Structures are given as structure tokens and as C-alpha cells.
Amino acid sequence: MTVRIAILTLISVLVLGGLFVLLRPNPKETSPGKRSFDLEISEDGMSPTQISIREGDRVTLNVTTDSPVEMHVHGYDLEKEVEPGETTEISFEADLTGRFPIEDHDTETELGALVVEPR
């Protein structure tokens, strides 16, 4: 009887251990990374329409446009004049979390969004 209980206990521990390994969530990325995005602005808006990053990431936006735009990233208070035929680089550290509109400051038109997820 004791051998039977020991074997059942051992099998239960092995099954539960296997389930733990198989079903555990993936560990979150712990260290900030460098992220770079190519953004194209046109009268239709921004492509891609949304940029998703993690808190602490070092971000570079390489922005092109087909007409002059004063690009403004709300929350981060980043503003840059973007001229047609040129690539304008905007770099920053993502130290605020949330959803931040990216707009053409001249027309106050939302072009897209920056989404910063907590680490």
C-alpha cells in the first residue's frame, strides 16, 4: 500500500511539473531595446498608423512626407518640421506609458499614435 501511494505521488508531481513547464507564461523582456521605425506621412495619414514599443526603449523615428508637416508627438512634446524629399530623424527614450497621438501640428490632424506599454 505504501509503495502504491509513493508511486501515485511521484506520478502526480511529474504531471504537475510538466504542466507548469508547458503552461507557464513567456517571461517578459526585461531590458530596454533600441527600436527604429520608418514613417511615411501623406494626406491619407501616417503609415504605419500605430507604433507600439515598451517603456525604456530608445526609439528613432525616420519620417518622410509628400508635403511639409510639423509633426508633434503628444505627451513627449516632440515637434519637428518634416520637409518633402528629406528624411527627418526623431530620437527619444520612451519613459512615459500610454497612448500618445501623433499629429500634424499645423492642421491639428491626428496622423497616428505611439503606444508605450509598461515593461
PDB file of N, CA and C in Angstrom:
ATOM      1  N   MET A   1       0.816  -1.192   0.000  1.00  0.00           N
ATOM      2  CA  MET A   1       0.000   0.000   0.000  1.00  0.00           C
ATOM      3  C   MET A   1       0.865   1.264   0.000  1.00  0.00           C
ATOM      4  N   THR A   2       1.957   1.318   0.769  1.00  0.00           N
ATOM      5  CA  THR A   2       2.831   2.480   0.842  1.00  0.00           C
ATOM      6  C   THR A   2       3.566   2.682  -0.477  1.00  0.00           C
ATOM      7  N   VAL A   3       3.953   1.622  -1.136  1.00  0.00           N
ATOM      8  CA  VAL A   3       4.629   1.735  -2.425  1.00  0.00           C
ATOM      9  C   VAL A   3       3.666   2.325  -3.452  1.00  0.00           C
ATOM     10  N   ARG A   4       2.433   1.904  -3.384  1.00  0.00           N
ATOM     11  CA  ARG A   4       1.413   2.407  -4.306  1.00  0.00           C
ATOM     12  C   ARG A   4       1.212   3.916  -4.112  1.00  0.00           C
ATOM     13  N   ILE A   5       1.137   4.389  -2.881  1.00  0.00           N
ATOM     14  CA  ILE A   5       0.975   5.812  -2.583  1.00  0.00           C
ATOM     15  C   ILE A   5       2.193   6.593  -3.060  1.00  0.00           C
ATOM     16  N   ALA A   6       3.366   6.028  -2.851  1.00  0.00           N
ATOM     17  CA  ALA A   6       4.600   6.695  -3.282  1.00  0.00           C
ATOM     18  C   ALA A   6       4.634   6.832  -4.803  1.00  0.00           C
ATOM     19  N   ILE A   7       4.230   5.792  -5.518  1.00  0.00           N
ATOM     20  CA  ILE A   7       4.216   5.835  -6.984  1.00  0.00           C
ATOM     21  C   ILE A   7       3.184   6.856  -7.478  1.00  0.00           C
ATOM     22  N   LEU A   8       1.983   6.874  -6.881  1.00  0.00           N
ATOM     23  CA  LEU A   8       0.955   7.848  -7.258  1.00  0.00           C
ATOM     24  C   LEU A   8       1.421   9.278  -6.971  1.00  0.00           C
ATOM     25  N   THR A   9       2.082   9.474  -5.858  1.00  0.00           N
ATOM     26  CA  THR A   9       2.609  10.799  -5.516  1.00  0.00           C
ATOM     27  C   THR A   9       3.657  11.225  -6.530  1.00  0.00           C
ATOM     28  N   LEU A  10       4.557  10.326  -6.885  1.00  0.00           N
ATOM     29  CA  LEU A  10       5.612  10.625  -7.862  1.00  0.00           C
ATOM     30  C   LEU A  10       4.997  10.959  -9.234  1.00  0.00           C
ATOM     31  N   ILE A  11       4.024  10.189  -9.658  1.00  0.00           N
ATOM     32  CA  ILE A  11       3.356  10.455 -10.942  1.00  0.00           C
ATOM     33  C   ILE A  11       2.659  11.813 -10.904  1.00  0.00           C
ATOM     34  N   SER A  12       1.971  12.117  -9.800  1.00  0.00           N
ATOM     35  CA  SER A  12       1.283  13.415  -9.660  1.00  0.00           C
ATOM     36  C   SER A  12       2.276  14.571  -9.732  1.00  0.00           C
ATOM     37  N   VAL A  13       3.410  14.451  -9.059  1.00  0.00           N
ATOM     38  CA  VAL A  13       4.428  15.503  -9.076  1.00  0.00           C
ATOM     39  C   VAL A  13       4.971  15.678 -10.491  1.00  0.00           C
ATOM     40  N   LEU A  14       5.240  14.602 -11.195  1.00  0.00           N
ATOM     41  CA  LEU A  14       5.756  14.685 -12.562  1.00  0.00           C
ATOM     42  C   LEU A  14       4.734  15.333 -13.506  1.00  0.00           C
ATOM     43  N   VAL A  15       3.473  14.958 -13.394  1.00  0.00           N
ATOM     44  CA  VAL A  15       2.428  15.530 -14.246  1.00  0.00           C
ATOM     45  C   VAL A  15       2.268  17.016 -13.959  1.00  0.00           C
ATOM     46  N   LEU A  16       2.189  17.387 -12.684  1.00  0.00           N
ATOM     47  CA  LEU A  16       2.039  18.798 -12.324  1.00  0.00           C
ATOM     48  C   LEU A  16       3.268  19.613 -12.738  1.00  0.00           C
ATOM     49  N   GLY A  17       4.452  19.054 -12.576  1.00  0.00           N
ATOM     50  CA  GLY A  17       5.681  19.741 -13.011  1.00  0.00           C
ATOM     51  C   GLY A  17       5.689  19.944 -14.518  1.00  0.00           C
ATOM     52  N   GLY A  18       5.273  18.934 -15.271  1.00  0.00           N
ATOM     53  CA  GLY A  18       5.206  19.051 -16.728  1.00  0.00           C
ATOM     54  C   GLY A  18       4.197  20.096 -17.168  1.00  0.00           C
ATOM     55  N   LEU A  19       3.038  20.128 -16.526  1.00  0.00           N
ATOM     56  CA  LEU A  19       2.030  21.142 -16.840  1.00  0.00           C
ATOM     57  C   LEU A  19       2.542  22.544 -16.527  1.00  0.00           C
ATOM     58  N   PHE A  20       3.276  22.695 -15.433  1.00  0.00           N
ATOM     59  CA  PHE A  20       3.833  24.000 -15.090  1.00  0.00           C
ATOM     60  C   PHE A  20       4.794  24.479 -16.176  1.00  0.00           C
ATOM     61  N   VAL A  21       5.652  23.594 -16.645  1.00  0.00           N
ATOM     62  CA  VAL A  21       6.629  23.969 -17.682  1.00  0.00           C
ATOM     63  C   VAL A  21       5.918  24.302 -18.988  1.00  0.00           C
ATOM     64  N   LEU A  22       4.928  23.519 -19.377  1.00  0.00           N
ATOM     65  CA  LEU A  22       4.229  23.737 -20.637  1.00  0.00           C
ATOM     66  C   LEU A  22       3.314  24.961 -20.633  1.00  0.00           C
ATOM     67  N   LEU A  23       2.683  25.262 -19.517  1.00  0.00           N
ATOM     68  CA  LEU A  23       1.666  26.301 -19.482  1.00  0.00           C
ATOM     69  C   LEU A  23       2.121  27.621 -18.871  1.00  0.00           C
ATOM     70  N   ARG A  24       3.360  27.713 -18.442  1.00  0.00           N
ATOM     71  CA  ARG A  24       3.807  28.976 -17.824  1.00  0.00           C
ATOM     72  C   ARG A  24       3.860  30.078 -18.874  1.00  0.00           C
ATOM     73  N   PRO A  25       3.574  31.312 -18.474  1.00  0.00           N
ATOM     74  CA  PRO A  25       3.620  32.422 -19.429  1.00  0.00           C
ATOM     75  C   PRO A  25       5.059  32.705 -19.850  1.00  0.00           C
ATOM     76  N   ASN A  26       5.194  33.241 -21.060  1.00  0.00           N
ATOM     77  CA  ASN A  26       6.525  33.618 -21.523  1.00  0.00           C
ATOM     78  C   ASN A  26       7.044  34.759 -20.660  1.00  0.00           C
ATOM     79  N   PRO A  27       8.307  34.701 -20.274  1.00  0.00           N
ATOM     80  CA  PRO A  27       8.847  35.797 -19.467  1.00  0.00           C
ATOM     81  C   PRO A  27       8.905  37.079 -20.292  1.00  0.00           C
ATOM     82  N   LYS A  28       8.585  38.208 -19.646  1.00  0.00           N
ATOM     83  CA  LYS A  28       8.627  39.483 -20.341  1.00  0.00           C
ATOM     84  C   LYS A  28      10.074  39.882 -20.592  1.00  0.00           C
ATOM     85  N   GLU A  29      10.242  40.612 -21.673  1.00  0.00           N
ATOM     86  CA  GLU A  29      11.541  41.163 -21.982  1.00  0.00           C
ATOM     87  C   GLU A  29      11.900  42.127 -20.858  1.00  0.00           C
ATOM     88  N   THR A  30      13.075  41.958 -20.268  1.00  0.00           N
ATOM     89  CA  THR A  30      13.417  42.755 -19.096  1.00  0.00           C
ATOM     90  C   THR A  30      14.278  43.963 -19.408  1.00  0.00           C
ATOM     91  N   SER A  31      15.025  43.922 -20.468  1.00  0.00           N
ATOM     92  CA  SER A  31      15.911  45.052 -20.730  1.00  0.00           C
ATOM     93  C   SER A  31      15.389  45.877 -21.906  1.00  0.00           C
ATOM     94  N   PRO A  32      15.507  47.204 -21.785  1.00  0.00           N
ATOM     95  CA  PRO A  32      15.075  48.073 -22.876  1.00  0.00           C
ATOM     96  C   PRO A  32      15.887  47.817 -24.137  1.00  0.00           C
ATOM     97  N   GLY A  33      15.277  48.080 -25.277  1.00  0.00           N
ATOM     98  CA  GLY A  33      15.959  47.869 -26.549  1.00  0.00           C
ATOM     99  C   GLY A  33      15.991  49.132 -27.376  1.00  0.00           C
ATOM    100  N   LYS A  34      16.684  49.055 -28.495  1.00  0.00           N
ATOM    101  CA  LYS A  34      16.705  50.143 -29.467  1.00  0.00           C
ATOM    102  C   LYS A  34      15.722  49.773 -30.560  1.00  0.00           C
ATOM    103  N   ARG A  35      14.778  50.676 -30.825  1.00  0.00           N
ATOM    104  CA  ARG A  35      13.752  50.426 -31.831  1.00  0.00           C
ATOM    105  C   ARG A  35      13.787  51.542 -32.862  1.00  0.00           C
ATOM    106  N   SER A  36      13.681  51.192 -34.119  1.00  0.00           N
ATOM    107  CA  SER A  36      13.690  52.169 -35.201  1.00  0.00           C
ATOM    108  C   SER A  36      12.490  51.917 -36.103  1.00  0.00           C
ATOM    109  N   PHE A  37      11.823  53.005 -36.516  1.00  0.00           N
ATOM    110  CA  PHE A  37      10.633  52.897 -37.355  1.00  0.00           C
ATOM    111  C   PHE A  37      10.742  53.878 -38.515  1.00  0.00           C
ATOM    112  N   ASP A  38      10.354  53.425 -39.705  1.00  0.00           N
ATOM    113  CA  ASP A  38      10.261  54.292 -40.875  1.00  0.00           C
ATOM    114  C   ASP A  38       8.799  54.702 -41.020  1.00  0.00           C
ATOM    115  N   LEU A  39       8.533  56.003 -40.909  1.00  0.00           N
ATOM    116  CA  LEU A  39       7.169  56.516 -41.010  1.00  0.00           C
ATOM    117  C   LEU A  39       7.023  57.310 -42.295  1.00  0.00           C
ATOM    118  N   GLU A  40       5.922  57.093 -42.985  1.00  0.00           N
ATOM    119  CA  GLU A  40       5.600  57.862 -44.186  1.00  0.00           C
ATOM    120  C   GLU A  40       4.317  58.630 -43.912  1.00  0.00           C
ATOM    121  N   ILE A  41       4.383  59.956 -44.105  1.00  0.00           N
ATOM    122  CA  ILE A  41       3.215  60.802 -43.893  1.00  0.00           C
ATOM    123  C   ILE A  41       2.728  61.310 -45.244  1.00  0.00           C
ATOM    124  N   SER A  42       1.426  61.169 -45.467  1.00  0.00           N
ATOM    125  CA  SER A  42       0.803  61.665 -46.695  1.00  0.00           C
ATOM    126  C   SER A  42      -0.534  62.298 -46.314  1.00  0.00           C
ATOM    127  N   GLU A  43      -1.274  62.758 -47.280  1.00  0.00           N
ATOM    128  CA  GLU A  43      -2.573  63.354 -46.961  1.00  0.00           C
ATOM    129  C   GLU A  43      -3.533  62.321 -46.387  1.00  0.00           C
ATOM    130  N   ASP A  44      -3.248  61.021 -46.595  1.00  0.00           N
ATOM    131  CA  ASP A  44      -4.086  59.957 -46.048  1.00  0.00           C
ATOM    132  C   ASP A  44      -3.759  59.639 -44.587  1.00  0.00           C
ATOM    133  N   GLY A  45      -2.658  60.203 -44.058  1.00  0.00           N
ATOM    134  CA  GLY A  45      -2.266  59.924 -42.680  1.00  0.00           C
ATOM    135  C   GLY A  45      -0.844  59.404 -42.608  1.00  0.00           C
ATOM    136  N   MET A  46      -0.596  58.596 -41.609  1.00  0.00           N
ATOM    137  CA  MET A  46       0.737  58.066 -41.338  1.00  0.00           C
ATOM    138  C   MET A  46       0.736  56.562 -41.563  1.00  0.00           C
ATOM    139  N   SER A  47       1.835  56.062 -42.104  1.00  0.00           N
ATOM    140  CA  SER A  47       1.983  54.627 -42.288  1.00  0.00           C
ATOM    141  C   SER A  47       3.310  54.198 -41.676  1.00  0.00           C
ATOM    142  N   PRO A  48       3.282  53.258 -40.741  1.00  0.00           N
ATOM    143  CA  PRO A  48       2.122  52.604 -40.138  1.00  0.00           C
ATOM    144  C   PRO A  48       1.342  53.591 -39.279  1.00  0.00           C
ATOM    145  N   THR A  49       0.072  53.269 -39.016  1.00  0.00           N
ATOM    146  CA  THR A  49      -0.787  54.186 -38.262  1.00  0.00           C
ATOM    147  C   THR A  49      -0.516  54.142 -36.773  1.00  0.00           C
ATOM    148  N   GLN A  50       0.110  53.065 -36.292  1.00  0.00           N
ATOM    149  CA  GLN A  50       0.402  52.948 -34.861  1.00  0.00           C
ATOM    150  C   GLN A  50       1.776  52.338 -34.659  1.00  0.00           C
ATOM    151  N   ILE A  51       2.501  52.884 -33.690  1.00  0.00           N
ATOM    152  CA  ILE A  51       3.818  52.370 -33.309  1.00  0.00           C
ATOM    153  C   ILE A  51       3.689  51.862 -31.883  1.00  0.00           C
ATOM    154  N   SER A  52       4.061  50.600 -31.653  1.00  0.00           N
ATOM    155  CA  SER A  52       3.994  50.022 -30.315  1.00  0.00           C
ATOM    156  C   SER A  52       5.396  49.704 -29.830  1.00  0.00           C
ATOM    157  N   ILE A  53       5.706  50.185 -28.623  1.00  0.00           N
ATOM    158  CA  ILE A  53       7.023  49.970 -28.029  1.00  0.00           C
ATOM    159  C   ILE A  53       6.849  49.670 -26.551  1.00  0.00           C
ATOM    160  N   ARG A  54       7.973  49.433 -25.859  1.00  0.00           N
ATOM    161  CA  ARG A  54       7.950  49.155 -24.426  1.00  0.00           C
ATOM    162  C   ARG A  54       8.638  50.289 -23.676  1.00  0.00           C
ATOM    163  N   GLU A  55       8.192  50.527 -22.482  1.00  0.00           N
ATOM    164  CA  GLU A  55       8.778  51.545 -21.623  1.00  0.00           C
ATOM    165  C   GLU A  55      10.287  51.318 -21.495  1.00  0.00           C
ATOM    166  N   GLY A  56      11.056  52.379 -21.639  1.00  0.00           N
ATOM    167  CA  GLY A  56      12.501  52.299 -21.520  1.00  0.00           C
ATOM    168  C   GLY A  56      13.215  52.122 -22.847  1.00  0.00           C
ATOM    169  N   ASP A  57      12.478  51.756 -23.902  1.00  0.00           N
ATOM    170  CA  ASP A  57      13.107  51.591 -25.218  1.00  0.00           C
ATOM    171  C   ASP A  57      13.665  52.921 -25.708  1.00  0.00           C
ATOM    172  N   ARG A  58      14.767  52.850 -26.435  1.00  0.00           N
ATOM    173  CA  ARG A  58      15.330  54.017 -27.118  1.00  0.00           C
ATOM    174  C   ARG A  58      14.776  53.967 -28.527  1.00  0.00           C
ATOM    175  N   VAL A  59      14.043  55.011 -28.940  1.00  0.00           N
ATOM    176  CA  VAL A  59      13.266  54.992 -30.175  1.00  0.00           C
ATOM    177  C   VAL A  59      13.809  56.014 -31.168  1.00  0.00           C
ATOM    178  N   THR A  60      13.890  55.602 -32.431  1.00  0.00           N
ATOM    179  CA  THR A  60      14.227  56.509 -33.514  1.00  0.00           C
ATOM    180  C   THR A  60      13.127  56.408 -34.563  1.00  0.00           C
ATOM    181  N   LEU A  61      12.542  57.568 -34.903  1.00  0.00           N
ATOM    182  CA  LEU A  61      11.543  57.647 -35.962  1.00  0.00           C
ATOM    183  C   LEU A  61      12.201  58.298 -37.169  1.00  0.00           C
ATOM    184  N   ASN A  62      12.189  57.625 -38.305  1.00  0.00           N
ATOM    185  CA  ASN A  62      12.705  58.158 -39.565  1.00  0.00           C
ATOM    186  C   ASN A  62      11.496  58.544 -40.403  1.00  0.00           C
ATOM    187  N   VAL A  63      11.244  59.848 -40.497  1.00  0.00           N
ATOM    188  CA  VAL A  63       9.985  60.343 -41.044  1.00  0.00           C
ATOM    189  C   VAL A  63      10.200  60.954 -42.430  1.00  0.00           C
ATOM    190  N   THR A  64       9.336  60.542 -43.382  1.00  0.00           N
ATOM    191  CA  THR A  64       9.296  61.157 -44.706  1.00  0.00           C
ATOM    192  C   THR A  64       7.867  61.625 -44.953  1.00  0.00           C
ATOM    193  N   THR A  65       7.737  62.618 -45.867  1.00  0.00           N
ATOM    194  CA  THR A  65       6.413  63.162 -46.163  1.00  0.00           C
ATOM    195  C   THR A  65       6.350  63.614 -47.619  1.00  0.00           C
ATOM    196  N   ASP A  66       5.128  63.734 -48.139  1.00  0.00           N
ATOM    197  CA  ASP A  66       4.960  64.231 -49.506  1.00  0.00           C
ATOM    198  C   ASP A  66       4.613  65.716 -49.535  1.00  0.00           C
ATOM    199  N   SER A  67       4.375  66.320 -48.344  1.00  0.00           N
ATOM    200  CA  SER A  67       4.148  67.769 -48.242  1.00  0.00           C
ATOM    201  C   SER A  67       4.652  68.214 -46.864  1.00  0.00           C
ATOM    202  N   PRO A  68       4.992  69.499 -46.700  1.00  0.00           N
ATOM    203  CA  PRO A  68       5.529  69.964 -45.420  1.00  0.00           C
ATOM    204  C   PRO A  68       4.579  69.665 -44.251  1.00  0.00           C
ATOM    205  N   VAL A  69       5.152  69.177 -43.146  1.00  0.00           N
ATOM    206  CA  VAL A  69       4.372  68.811 -41.966  1.00  0.00           C
ATOM    207  C   VAL A  69       5.156  69.238 -40.723  1.00  0.00           C
ATOM    208  N   GLU A  70       4.442  69.777 -39.735  1.00  0.00           N
ATOM    209  CA  GLU A  70       5.052  69.977 -38.423  1.00  0.00           C
ATOM    210  C   GLU A  70       4.538  68.844 -37.542  1.00  0.00           C
ATOM    211  N   MET A  71       5.360  67.802 -37.407  1.00  0.00           N
ATOM    212  CA  MET A  71       4.959  66.593 -36.688  1.00  0.00           C
ATOM    213  C   MET A  71       5.116  66.812 -35.190  1.00  0.00           C
ATOM    214  N   HIS A  72       4.080  66.439 -34.438  1.00  0.00           N
ATOM    215  CA  HIS A  72       4.080  66.619 -32.984  1.00  0.00           C
ATOM    216  C   HIS A  72       3.659  65.309 -32.327  1.00  0.00           C
ATOM    217  N   VAL A  73       4.509  64.802 -31.410  1.00  0.00           N
ATOM    218  CA  VAL A  73       4.185  63.609 -30.622  1.00  0.00           C
ATOM    219  C   VAL A  73       3.732  64.106 -29.253  1.00  0.00           C
ATOM    220  N   HIS A  74       2.423  64.021 -28.995  1.00  0.00           N
ATOM    221  CA  HIS A  74       1.869  64.494 -27.723  1.00  0.00           C
ATOM    222  C   HIS A  74       2.432  63.669 -26.570  1.00  0.00           C
ATOM    223  N   GLY A  75       2.450  64.245 -25.397  1.00  0.00           N
ATOM    224  CA  GLY A  75       2.944  63.572 -24.200  1.00  0.00           C
ATOM    225  C   GLY A  75       4.454  63.682 -24.075  1.00  0.00           C
ATOM    226  N   TYR A  76       5.134  63.533 -25.188  1.00  0.00           N
ATOM    227  CA  TYR A  76       6.595  63.663 -25.214  1.00  0.00           C
ATOM    228  C   TYR A  76       7.008  65.065 -25.668  1.00  0.00           C
ATOM    229  N   ASP A  77       6.046  65.850 -26.123  1.00  0.00           N
ATOM    230  CA  ASP A  77       6.286  67.213 -26.599  1.00  0.00           C
ATOM    231  C   ASP A  77       7.436  67.284 -27.599  1.00  0.00           C
ATOM    232  N   LEU A  78       7.422  66.362 -28.533  1.00  0.00           N
ATOM    233  CA  LEU A  78       8.420  66.342 -29.606  1.00  0.00           C
ATOM    234  C   LEU A  78       7.797  66.990 -30.833  1.00  0.00           C
ATOM    235  N   GLU A  79       8.455  67.989 -31.371  1.00  0.00           N
ATOM    236  CA  GLU A  79       7.984  68.660 -32.583  1.00  0.00           C
ATOM    237  C   GLU A  79       9.132  68.774 -33.569  1.00  0.00           C
ATOM    238  N   LYS A  80       8.850  68.444 -34.820  1.00  0.00           N
ATOM    239  CA  LYS A  80       9.851  68.558 -35.887  1.00  0.00           C
ATOM    240  C   LYS A  80       9.172  68.957 -37.174  1.00  0.00           C
ATOM    241  N   GLU A  81       9.830  69.852 -37.903  1.00  0.00           N
ATOM    242  CA  GLU A  81       9.401  70.191 -39.260  1.00  0.00           C
ATOM    243  C   GLU A  81       9.906  69.078 -40.180  1.00  0.00           C
ATOM    244  N   VAL A  82       9.023  68.521 -40.971  1.00  0.00           N
ATOM    245  CA  VAL A  82       9.387  67.468 -41.916  1.00  0.00           C
ATOM    246  C   VAL A  82       9.116  68.012 -43.315  1.00  0.00           C
ATOM    247  N   GLU A  83      10.151  67.998 -44.137  1.00  0.00           N
ATOM    248  CA  GLU A  83      10.055  68.538 -45.494  1.00  0.00           C
ATOM    249  C   GLU A  83      10.026  67.399 -46.517  1.00  0.00           C
ATOM    250  N   PRO A  84       9.320  67.596 -47.628  1.00  0.00           N
ATOM    251  CA  PRO A  84       9.287  66.569 -48.681  1.00  0.00           C
ATOM    252  C   PRO A  84      10.688  66.320 -49.233  1.00  0.00           C
ATOM    253  N   GLY A  85      10.950  65.068 -49.566  1.00  0.00           N
ATOM    254  CA  GLY A  85      12.232  64.697 -50.166  1.00  0.00           C
ATOM    255  C   GLY A  85      13.350  64.520 -49.166  1.00  0.00           C
ATOM    256  N   GLU A  86      13.085  64.707 -47.882  1.00  0.00           N
ATOM    257  CA  GLU A  86      14.100  64.544 -46.840  1.00  0.00           C
ATOM    258  C   GLU A  86      13.602  63.548 -45.806  1.00  0.00           C
ATOM    259  N   THR A  87      14.544  62.891 -45.135  1.00  0.00           N
ATOM    260  CA  THR A  87      14.198  62.031 -44.008  1.00  0.00           C
ATOM    261  C   THR A  87      14.568  62.776 -42.735  1.00  0.00           C
ATOM    262  N   THR A  88      13.580  62.971 -41.867  1.00  0.00           N
ATOM    263  CA  THR A  88      13.803  63.648 -40.595  1.00  0.00           C
ATOM    264  C   THR A  88      13.844  62.605 -39.496  1.00  0.00           C
ATOM    265  N   GLU A  89      14.879  62.672 -38.661  1.00  0.00           N
ATOM    266  CA  GLU A  89      15.060  61.701 -37.585  1.00  0.00           C
ATOM    267  C   GLU A  89      14.629  62.322 -36.260  1.00  0.00           C
ATOM    268  N   ILE A  90      13.810  61.577 -35.533  1.00  0.00           N
ATOM    269  CA  ILE A  90      13.367  61.982 -34.200  1.00  0.00           C
ATOM    270  C   ILE A  90      13.738  60.851 -33.246  1.00  0.00           C
ATOM    271  N   SER A  91      14.566  61.153 -32.244  1.00  0.00           N
ATOM    272  CA  SER A  91      15.002  60.131 -31.285  1.00  0.00           C
ATOM    273  C   SER A  91      14.595  60.533 -29.874  1.00  0.00           C
ATOM    274  N   PHE A  92      14.212  59.530 -29.082  1.00  0.00           N
ATOM    275  CA  PHE A  92      13.827  59.783 -27.695  1.00  0.00           C
ATOM    276  C   PHE A  92      13.819  58.473 -26.920  1.00  0.00           C
ATOM    277  N   GLU A  93      13.800  58.593 -25.595  1.00  0.00           N
ATOM    278  CA  GLU A  93      13.652  57.429 -24.732  1.00  0.00           C
ATOM    279  C   GLU A  93      12.200  57.364 -24.282  1.00  0.00           C
ATOM    280  N   ALA A  94      11.599  56.198 -24.395  1.00  0.00           N
ATOM    281  CA  ALA A  94      10.186  56.013 -24.051  1.00  0.00           C
ATOM    282  C   ALA A  94      10.039  55.877 -22.537  1.00  0.00           C
ATOM    283  N   ASP A  95       9.940  57.017 -21.858  1.00  0.00           N
ATOM    284  CA  ASP A  95       9.874  56.988 -20.396  1.00  0.00           C
ATOM    285  C   ASP A  95       8.463  57.236 -19.849  1.00  0.00           C
ATOM    286  N   LEU A  96       7.484  57.428 -20.736  1.00  0.00           N
ATOM    287  CA  LEU A  96       6.083  57.576 -20.332  1.00  0.00           C
ATOM    288  C   LEU A  96       5.264  56.466 -20.975  1.00  0.00           C
ATOM    289  N   THR A  97       4.319  55.887 -20.229  1.00  0.00           N
ATOM    290  CA  THR A  97       3.480  54.836 -20.800  1.00  0.00           C
ATOM    291  C   THR A  97       2.113  55.409 -21.168  1.00  0.00           C
ATOM    292  N   GLY A  98       1.476  54.767 -22.130  1.00  0.00           N
ATOM    293  CA  GLY A  98       0.152  55.183 -22.552  1.00  0.00           C
ATOM    294  C   GLY A  98       0.058  55.289 -24.061  1.00  0.00           C
ATOM    295  N   ARG A  99      -1.038  55.897 -24.517  1.00  0.00           N
ATOM    296  CA  ARG A  99      -1.260  56.124 -25.952  1.00  0.00           C
ATOM    297  C   ARG A  99      -1.117  57.614 -26.213  1.00  0.00           C
ATOM    298  N   PHE A 100      -0.243  57.956 -27.165  1.00  0.00           N
ATOM    299  CA  PHE A 100       0.063  59.347 -27.447  1.00  0.00           C
ATOM    300  C   PHE A 100      -0.213  59.641 -28.922  1.00  0.00           C
ATOM    301  N   PRO A 101      -1.129  60.578 -29.198  1.00  0.00           N
ATOM    302  CA  PRO A 101      -1.409  60.932 -30.587  1.00  0.00           C
ATOM    303  C   PRO A 101      -0.185  61.563 -31.258  1.00  0.00           C
ATOM    304  N   ILE A 102      -0.024  61.274 -32.531  1.00  0.00           N
ATOM    305  CA  ILE A 102       0.965  61.926 -33.377  1.00  0.00           C
ATOM    306  C   ILE A 102       0.161  62.746 -34.373  1.00  0.00           C
ATOM    307  N   GLU A 103       0.408  64.055 -34.405  1.00  0.00           N
ATOM    308  CA  GLU A 103      -0.428  64.893 -35.250  1.00  0.00           C
ATOM    309  C   GLU A 103       0.398  65.851 -36.097  1.00  0.00           C
ATOM    310  N   ASP A 104      -0.258  66.356 -37.129  1.00  0.00           N
ATOM    311  CA  ASP A 104       0.273  67.467 -37.909  1.00  0.00           C
ATOM    312  C   ASP A 104      -0.114  68.710 -37.119  1.00  0.00           C
ATOM    313  N   HIS A 105       0.860  69.332 -36.506  1.00  0.00           N
ATOM    314  CA  HIS A 105       0.597  70.447 -35.605  1.00  0.00           C
ATOM    315  C   HIS A 105      -0.031  71.633 -36.334  1.00  0.00           C
ATOM    316  N   ASP A 106       0.322  71.817 -37.606  1.00  0.00           N
ATOM    317  CA  ASP A 106      -0.235  72.942 -38.378  1.00  0.00           C
ATOM    318  C   ASP A 106      -1.747  72.807 -38.574  1.00  0.00           C
ATOM    319  N   THR A 107      -2.198  71.607 -38.907  1.00  0.00           N
ATOM    320  CA  THR A 107      -3.624  71.393 -39.183  1.00  0.00           C
ATOM    321  C   THR A 107      -4.362  70.763 -38.014  1.00  0.00           C
ATOM    322  N   GLU A 108      -3.633  70.377 -36.975  1.00  0.00           N
ATOM    323  CA  GLU A 108      -4.183  69.693 -35.806  1.00  0.00           C
ATOM    324  C   GLU A 108      -4.913  68.409 -36.190  1.00  0.00           C
ATOM    325  N   THR A 109      -4.383  67.734 -37.223  1.00  0.00           N
ATOM    326  CA  THR A 109      -4.933  66.473 -37.695  1.00  0.00           C
ATOM    327  C   THR A 109      -4.133  65.324 -37.091  1.00  0.00           C
ATOM    328  N   GLU A 110      -4.838  64.360 -36.480  1.00  0.00           N
ATOM    329  CA  GLU A 110      -4.140  63.192 -35.944  1.00  0.00           C
ATOM    330  C   GLU A 110      -3.713  62.300 -37.102  1.00  0.00           C
ATOM    331  N   LEU A 111      -2.417  61.995 -37.131  1.00  0.00           N
ATOM    332  CA  LEU A 111      -1.848  61.153 -38.181  1.00  0.00           C
ATOM    333  C   LEU A 111      -1.784  59.694 -37.769  1.00  0.00           C
ATOM    334  N   GLY A 112      -1.551  59.465 -36.488  1.00  0.00           N
ATOM    335  CA  GLY A 112      -1.380  58.105 -35.981  1.00  0.00           C
ATOM    336  C   GLY A 112      -1.185  58.170 -34.482  1.00  0.00           C
ATOM    337  N   ALA A 113      -0.586  57.103 -33.918  1.00  0.00           N
ATOM    338  CA  ALA A 113      -0.409  57.045 -32.464  1.00  0.00           C
ATOM    339  C   ALA A 113       0.857  56.299 -32.098  1.00  0.00           C
ATOM    340  N   LEU A 114       1.413  56.696 -30.961  1.00  0.00           N
ATOM    341  CA  LEU A 114       2.529  55.999 -30.319  1.00  0.00           C
ATOM    342  C   LEU A 114       1.952  55.326 -29.082  1.00  0.00           C
ATOM    343  N   VAL A 115       2.135  54.011 -28.960  1.00  0.00           N
ATOM    344  CA  VAL A 115       1.650  53.268 -27.798  1.00  0.00           C
ATOM    345  C   VAL A 115       2.869  52.733 -27.063  1.00  0.00           C
ATOM    346  N   VAL A 116       2.992  53.120 -25.782  1.00  0.00           N
ATOM    347  CA  VAL A 116       4.119  52.692 -24.955  1.00  0.00           C
ATOM    348  C   VAL A 116       3.557  51.817 -23.831  1.00  0.00           C
ATOM    349  N   GLU A 117       3.903  50.525 -23.883  1.00  0.00           N
ATOM    350  CA  GLU A 117       3.449  49.550 -22.897  1.00  0.00           C
ATOM    351  C   GLU A 117       4.421  49.525 -21.701  1.00  0.00           C
ATOM    352  N   PRO A 118       3.908  49.326 -20.490  1.00  0.00           N
ATOM    353  CA  PRO A 118       4.811  49.213 -19.339  1.00  0.00           C
ATOM    354  C   PRO A 118       5.710  47.986 -19.473  1.00  0.00           C
ATOM    355  N   ARG A 119       6.898  48.083 -18.947  1.00  0.00           N
ATOM    356  CA  ARG A 119       7.853  46.971 -19.004  1.00  0.00           C
ATOM    357  C   ARG A 119       7.539  45.985 -17.916  1.00  0.00           C
TER     358      ARG A 119
END
